[in-house]
């Protein structure tokens, strides 16, 4: 897997994941929406850690500076 995520992209994903986590743990979002938000947050953190987003491949997106 080639890296296809830049630093800004990773930081935005981490911030969104943190916000979703806070919304869940404060009880602002509940039920199915909360579970979907936690799943999305986990995916954002995972893709940020490995610097690779599989959804970027079909569209040819690469935010990583070379």
PDB file of N, CA and C in Angstrom:
ATOM      1  N   UNK A   1       0.835  -1.176   0.000  1.00  0.00           N
ATOM      2  CA  UNK A   1       0.000   0.000   0.000  1.00  0.00           C
ATOM      3  C   UNK A   1       0.885   1.245   0.000  1.00  0.00           C
ATOM      4  N   UNK A   2       0.688   2.075  -0.997  1.00  0.00           N
ATOM      5  CA  UNK A   2       1.385   3.347  -1.027  1.00  0.00           C
ATOM      6  C   UNK A   2       0.603   4.356  -0.204  1.00  0.00           C
ATOM      7  N   UNK A   3       1.309   5.213   0.492  1.00  0.00           N
ATOM      8  CA  UNK A   3       0.641   6.253   1.266  1.00  0.00           C
ATOM      9  C   UNK A   3      -0.059   7.209   0.308  1.00  0.00           C
ATOM     10  N   UNK A   4      -1.301   7.566   0.633  1.00  0.00           N
ATOM     11  CA  UNK A   4      -2.024   8.503  -0.198  1.00  0.00           C
ATOM     12  C   UNK A   4      -2.720   9.591   0.619  1.00  0.00           C
ATOM     13  N   UNK A   5      -2.281   9.759   1.874  1.00  0.00           N
ATOM     14  CA  UNK A   5      -2.869  10.786   2.738  1.00  0.00           C
ATOM     15  C   UNK A   5      -1.778  11.705   3.260  1.00  0.00           C
ATOM     16  N   UNK A   6      -2.013  12.997   3.104  1.00  0.00           N
ATOM     17  CA  UNK A   6      -1.078  13.989   3.608  1.00  0.00           C
ATOM     18  C   UNK A   6      -1.332  14.308   5.071  1.00  0.00           C
ATOM     19  N   UNK A   7      -0.469  15.147   5.623  1.00  0.00           N
ATOM     20  CA  UNK A   7      -0.549  15.503   7.039  1.00  0.00           C
ATOM     21  C   UNK A   7      -1.845  16.235   7.374  1.00  0.00           C
ATOM     22  N   UNK A   8      -2.245  17.168   6.530  1.00  0.00           N
ATOM     23  CA  UNK A   8      -3.479  17.918   6.788  1.00  0.00           C
ATOM     24  C   UNK A   8      -4.681  16.989   6.789  1.00  0.00           C
ATOM     25  N   UNK A   9      -4.727  16.095   5.826  1.00  0.00           N
ATOM     26  CA  UNK A   9      -5.822  15.130   5.729  1.00  0.00           C
ATOM     27  C   UNK A   9      -5.892  14.265   6.987  1.00  0.00           C
ATOM     28  N   UNK A  10      -4.744  13.803   7.459  1.00  0.00           N
ATOM     29  CA  UNK A  10      -4.711  12.970   8.664  1.00  0.00           C
ATOM     30  C   UNK A  10      -5.185  13.750   9.888  1.00  0.00           C
ATOM     31  N   UNK A  11      -4.750  15.004  10.011  1.00  0.00           N
ATOM     32  CA  UNK A  11      -5.140  15.816  11.167  1.00  0.00           C
ATOM     33  C   UNK A  11      -6.647  16.077  11.172  1.00  0.00           C
ATOM     34  N   UNK A  12      -7.219  16.349  10.008  1.00  0.00           N
ATOM     35  CA  UNK A  12      -8.661  16.592   9.926  1.00  0.00           C
ATOM     36  C   UNK A  12      -9.427  15.344  10.352  1.00  0.00           C
ATOM     37  N   UNK A  13      -8.980  14.173   9.905  1.00  0.00           N
ATOM     38  CA  UNK A  13      -9.644  12.926  10.278  1.00  0.00           C
ATOM     39  C   UNK A  13      -9.552  12.658  11.780  1.00  0.00           C
ATOM     40  N   UNK A  14      -8.396  12.937  12.368  1.00  0.00           N
ATOM     41  CA  UNK A  14      -8.217  12.731  13.815  1.00  0.00           C
ATOM     42  C   UNK A  14      -9.139  13.670  14.600  1.00  0.00           C
ATOM     43  N   UNK A  15      -9.215  14.925  14.174  1.00  0.00           N
ATOM     44  CA  UNK A  15     -10.076  15.895  14.866  1.00  0.00           C
ATOM     45  C   UNK A  15     -11.544  15.461  14.770  1.00  0.00           C
ATOM     46  N   UNK A  16     -11.970  15.016  13.594  1.00  0.00           N
ATOM     47  CA  UNK A  16     -13.354  14.552  13.432  1.00  0.00           C
ATOM     48  C   UNK A  16     -13.615  13.340  14.327  1.00  0.00           C
ATOM     49  N   UNK A  17     -12.645  12.424  14.406  1.00  0.00           N
ATOM     50  CA  UNK A  17     -12.797  11.241  15.256  1.00  0.00           C
ATOM     51  C   UNK A  17     -12.915  11.637  16.725  1.00  0.00           C
ATOM     52  N   UNK A  18     -12.135  12.603  17.147  1.00  0.00           N
ATOM     53  CA  UNK A  18     -12.197  13.070  18.538  1.00  0.00           C
ATOM     54  C   UNK A  18     -13.558  13.702  18.824  1.00  0.00           C
ATOM     55  N   UNK A  19     -14.039  14.527  17.899  1.00  0.00           N
ATOM     56  CA  UNK A  19     -15.345  15.169  18.083  1.00  0.00           C
ATOM     57  C   UNK A  19     -16.450  14.119  18.167  1.00  0.00           C
ATOM     58  N   UNK A  20     -16.407  13.123  17.289  1.00  0.00           N
ATOM     59  CA  UNK A  20     -17.418  12.059  17.328  1.00  0.00           C
ATOM     60  C   UNK A  20     -17.348  11.283  18.640  1.00  0.00           C
ATOM     61  N   UNK A  21     -16.139  11.019  19.125  1.00  0.00           N
ATOM     62  CA  UNK A  21     -15.976  10.340  20.413  1.00  0.00           C
ATOM     63  C   UNK A  21     -16.537  11.149  21.563  1.00  0.00           C
ATOM     64  N   UNK A  22     -16.290  12.442  21.545  1.00  0.00           N
ATOM     65  CA  UNK A  22     -16.817  13.318  22.597  1.00  0.00           C
ATOM     66  C   UNK A  22     -18.341  13.348  22.554  1.00  0.00           C
ATOM     67  N   UNK A  23     -18.905  13.444  21.348  1.00  0.00           N
ATOM     68  CA  UNK A  23     -20.369  13.450  21.222  1.00  0.00           C
ATOM     69  C   UNK A  23     -20.974  12.158  21.756  1.00  0.00           C
ATOM     70  N   UNK A  24     -20.290  11.043  21.525  1.00  0.00           N
ATOM     71  CA  UNK A  24     -20.791   9.764  22.024  1.00  0.00           C
ATOM     72  C   UNK A  24     -20.710   9.694  23.550  1.00  0.00           C
ATOM     73  N   UNK A  25     -19.552  10.019  24.096  1.00  0.00           N
ATOM     74  CA  UNK A  25     -19.355   9.856  25.536  1.00  0.00           C
ATOM     75  C   UNK A  25     -20.109  10.876  26.374  1.00  0.00           C
ATOM     76  N   UNK A  26     -20.498  12.004  25.789  1.00  0.00           N
ATOM     77  CA  UNK A  26     -21.313  12.968  26.536  1.00  0.00           C
ATOM     78  C   UNK A  26     -22.795  12.664  26.407  1.00  0.00           C
ATOM     79  N   UNK A  27     -23.133  11.707  25.547  1.00  0.00           N
ATOM     80  CA  UNK A  27     -24.526  11.320  25.390  1.00  0.00           C
ATOM     81  C   UNK A  27     -25.302  12.195  24.420  1.00  0.00           C
ATOM     82  N   UNK A  28     -24.598  13.025  23.674  1.00  0.00           N
ATOM     83  CA  UNK A  28     -25.271  13.890  22.703  1.00  0.00           C
ATOM     84  C   UNK A  28     -25.878  13.073  21.571  1.00  0.00           C
ATOM     85  N   UNK A  29     -25.169  12.032  21.161  1.00  0.00           N
ATOM     86  CA  UNK A  29     -25.716  11.122  20.153  1.00  0.00           C
ATOM     87  C   UNK A  29     -25.883   9.749  20.799  1.00  0.00           C
ATOM     88  N   UNK A  30     -26.978   9.089  20.474  1.00  0.00           N
ATOM     89  CA  UNK A  30     -27.262   7.782  21.069  1.00  0.00           C
ATOM     90  C   UNK A  30     -27.825   6.847  20.012  1.00  0.00           C
ATOM     91  N   UNK A  31     -27.978   5.615  20.393  1.00  0.00           N
ATOM     92  CA  UNK A  31     -28.609   4.618  19.529  1.00  0.00           C
ATOM     93  C   UNK A  31     -27.758   4.238  18.334  1.00  0.00           C
ATOM     94  N   UNK A  32     -28.435   3.962  17.237  1.00  0.00           N
ATOM     95  CA  UNK A  32     -27.765   3.510  16.021  1.00  0.00           C
ATOM     96  C   UNK A  32     -26.821   4.576  15.483  1.00  0.00           C
ATOM     97  N   UNK A  33     -27.231   5.824  15.540  1.00  0.00           N
ATOM     98  CA  UNK A  33     -26.380   6.913  15.073  1.00  0.00           C
ATOM     99  C   UNK A  33     -25.059   6.930  15.841  1.00  0.00           C
ATOM    100  N   UNK A  34     -25.111   6.682  17.127  1.00  0.00           N
ATOM    101  CA  UNK A  34     -23.907   6.669  17.948  1.00  0.00           C
ATOM    102  C   UNK A  34     -22.968   5.544  17.528  1.00  0.00           C
ATOM    103  N   UNK A  35     -23.528   4.378  17.241  1.00  0.00           N
ATOM    104  CA  UNK A  35     -22.689   3.251  16.824  1.00  0.00           C
ATOM    105  C   UNK A  35     -22.059   3.499  15.454  1.00  0.00           C
ATOM    106  N   UNK A  36     -22.821   4.088  14.562  1.00  0.00           N
ATOM    107  CA  UNK A  36     -22.279   4.422  13.241  1.00  0.00           C
ATOM    108  C   UNK A  36     -21.173   5.474  13.387  1.00  0.00           C
ATOM    109  N   UNK A  37     -21.392   6.456  14.238  1.00  0.00           N
ATOM    110  CA  UNK A  37     -20.391   7.503  14.455  1.00  0.00           C
ATOM    111  C   UNK A  37     -19.112   6.924  15.054  1.00  0.00           C
ATOM    112  N   UNK A  38     -19.237   5.993  15.997  1.00  0.00           N
ATOM    113  CA  UNK A  38     -18.046   5.363  16.580  1.00  0.00           C
ATOM    114  C   UNK A  38     -17.302   4.520  15.546  1.00  0.00           C
ATOM    115  N   UNK A  39     -18.046   3.826  14.695  1.00  0.00           N
ATOM    116  CA  UNK A  39     -17.415   3.058  13.623  1.00  0.00           C
ATOM    117  C   UNK A  39     -16.667   3.960  12.665  1.00  0.00           C
ATOM    118  N   UNK A  40     -17.275   5.064  12.301  1.00  0.00           N
ATOM    119  CA  UNK A  40     -16.638   6.027  11.413  1.00  0.00           C
ATOM    120  C   UNK A  40     -15.395   6.626  12.064  1.00  0.00           C
ATOM    121  N   UNK A  41     -15.487   6.940  13.344  1.00  0.00           N
ATOM    122  CA  UNK A  41     -14.341   7.482  14.067  1.00  0.00           C
ATOM    123  C   UNK A  41     -13.194   6.474  14.089  1.00  0.00           C
ATOM    124  N   UNK A  42     -13.512   5.201  14.304  1.00  0.00           N
ATOM    125  CA  UNK A  42     -12.478   4.164  14.322  1.00  0.00           C
ATOM    126  C   UNK A  42     -11.810   4.039  12.952  1.00  0.00           C
ATOM    127  N   UNK A  43     -12.605   4.107  11.901  1.00  0.00           N
ATOM    128  CA  UNK A  43     -12.041   4.032  10.547  1.00  0.00           C
ATOM    129  C   UNK A  43     -11.160   5.242  10.276  1.00  0.00           C
ATOM    130  N   UNK A  44     -11.591   6.427  10.693  1.00  0.00           N
ATOM    131  CA  UNK A  44     -10.775   7.627  10.504  1.00  0.00           C
ATOM    132  C   UNK A  44      -9.443   7.514  11.224  1.00  0.00           C
ATOM    133  N   UNK A  45      -9.451   7.009  12.455  1.00  0.00           N
ATOM    134  CA  UNK A  45      -8.207   6.862  13.209  1.00  0.00           C
ATOM    135  C   UNK A  45      -7.306   5.830  12.545  1.00  0.00           C
ATOM    136  N   UNK A  46      -7.872   4.708  12.144  1.00  0.00           N
ATOM    137  CA  UNK A  46      -7.075   3.657  11.513  1.00  0.00           C
ATOM    138  C   UNK A  46      -6.440   4.136  10.203  1.00  0.00           C
ATOM    139  N   UNK A  47      -7.224   4.772   9.355  1.00  0.00           N
ATOM    140  CA  UNK A  47      -6.672   5.243   8.083  1.00  0.00           C
ATOM    141  C   UNK A  47      -5.641   6.353   8.300  1.00  0.00           C
ATOM    142  N   UNK A  48      -5.808   7.144   9.345  1.00  0.00           N
ATOM    143  CA  UNK A  48      -4.828   8.178   9.655  1.00  0.00           C
ATOM    144  C   UNK A  48      -3.515   7.571  10.128  1.00  0.00           C
ATOM    145  N   UNK A  49      -3.597   6.514  10.898  1.00  0.00           N
ATOM    146  CA  UNK A  49      -2.381   5.882  11.407  1.00  0.00           C
ATOM    147  C   UNK A  49      -1.573   5.203  10.300  1.00  0.00           C
ATOM    148  N   UNK A  50      -2.255   4.621   9.323  1.00  0.00           N
ATOM    149  CA  UNK A  50      -1.523   3.932   8.260  1.00  0.00           C
ATOM    150  C   UNK A  50      -1.322   4.815   7.022  1.00  0.00           C
ATOM    151  N   UNK A  51      -1.861   6.034   7.051  1.00  0.00           N
ATOM    152  CA  UNK A  51      -1.721   7.014   5.961  1.00  0.00           C
ATOM    153  C   UNK A  51      -2.222   6.489   4.624  1.00  0.00           C
ATOM    154  N   UNK A  52      -3.257   5.689   4.665  1.00  0.00           N
ATOM    155  CA  UNK A  52      -3.806   5.113   3.438  1.00  0.00           C
ATOM    156  C   UNK A  52      -5.320   5.072   3.527  1.00  0.00           C
ATOM    157  N   UNK A  53      -5.982   5.610   2.502  1.00  0.00           N
ATOM    158  CA  UNK A  53      -7.440   5.575   2.429  1.00  0.00           C
ATOM    159  C   UNK A  53      -7.838   4.784   1.188  1.00  0.00           C
ATOM    160  N   UNK A  54      -8.466   3.617   1.358  1.00  0.00           N
ATOM    161  CA  UNK A  54      -8.830   2.803   0.204  1.00  0.00           C
ATOM    162  C   UNK A  54      -9.855   3.472  -0.715  1.00  0.00           C
ATOM    163  N   UNK A  55     -10.653   4.385  -0.204  1.00  0.00           N
ATOM    164  CA  UNK A  55     -11.628   5.073  -1.045  1.00  0.00           C
ATOM    165  C   UNK A  55     -10.968   6.073  -1.992  1.00  0.00           C
ATOM    166  N   UNK A  56      -9.738   6.470  -1.716  1.00  0.00           N
ATOM    167  CA  UNK A  56      -9.034   7.393  -2.607  1.00  0.00           C
ATOM    168  C   UNK A  56      -8.573   6.703  -3.892  1.00  0.00           C
ATOM    169  N   UNK A  57      -8.344   5.389  -3.846  1.00  0.00           N
ATOM    170  CA  UNK A  57      -7.806   4.668  -5.013  1.00  0.00           C
ATOM    171  C   UNK A  57      -8.677   4.767  -6.260  1.00  0.00           C
ATOM    172  N   UNK A  58      -9.974   4.444  -6.198  1.00  0.00           N
ATOM    173  CA  UNK A  58     -10.775   4.487  -7.427  1.00  0.00           C
ATOM    174  C   UNK A  58     -10.872   5.890  -8.040  1.00  0.00           C
ATOM    175  N   UNK A  59     -10.738   6.910  -7.203  1.00  0.00           N
ATOM    176  CA  UNK A  59     -10.863   8.282  -7.687  1.00  0.00           C
ATOM    177  C   UNK A  59      -9.509   8.914  -8.016  1.00  0.00           C
ATOM    178  N   UNK A  60      -8.424   8.221  -7.725  1.00  0.00           N
ATOM    179  CA  UNK A  60      -7.091   8.731  -8.024  1.00  0.00           C
ATOM    180  C   UNK A  60      -6.666   9.901  -7.153  1.00  0.00           C
ATOM    181  N   UNK A  61      -7.216   9.982  -5.945  1.00  0.00           N
ATOM    182  CA  UNK A  61      -6.882  11.078  -5.044  1.00  0.00           C
ATOM    183  C   UNK A  61      -5.615  10.734  -4.277  1.00  0.00           C
ATOM    184  N   UNK A  62      -4.722  11.717  -4.161  1.00  0.00           N
ATOM    185  CA  UNK A  62      -3.502  11.544  -3.389  1.00  0.00           C
ATOM    186  C   UNK A  62      -3.174  12.883  -2.745  1.00  0.00           C
ATOM    187  N   UNK A  63      -3.345  12.994  -1.427  1.00  0.00           N
ATOM    188  CA  UNK A  63      -3.066  14.247  -0.729  1.00  0.00           C
ATOM    189  C   UNK A  63      -1.683  14.243  -0.098  1.00  0.00           C
ATOM    190  N   UNK A  64      -0.925  13.182  -0.331  1.00  0.00           N
ATOM    191  CA  UNK A  64       0.419  13.060   0.227  1.00  0.00           C
ATOM    192  C   UNK A  64       1.409  13.819  -0.655  1.00  0.00           C
ATOM    193  N   UNK A  65       2.142  14.728  -0.026  1.00  0.00           N
ATOM    194  CA  UNK A  65       3.163  15.469  -0.762  1.00  0.00           C
ATOM    195  C   UNK A  65       4.385  14.576  -0.957  1.00  0.00           C
ATOM    196  N   UNK A  66       4.948  14.618  -2.124  1.00  0.00           N
ATOM    197  CA  UNK A  66       6.102  13.752  -2.403  1.00  0.00           C
ATOM    198  C   UNK A  66       7.390  14.508  -2.378  1.00  0.00           C
TER     199      UNK A  66
END
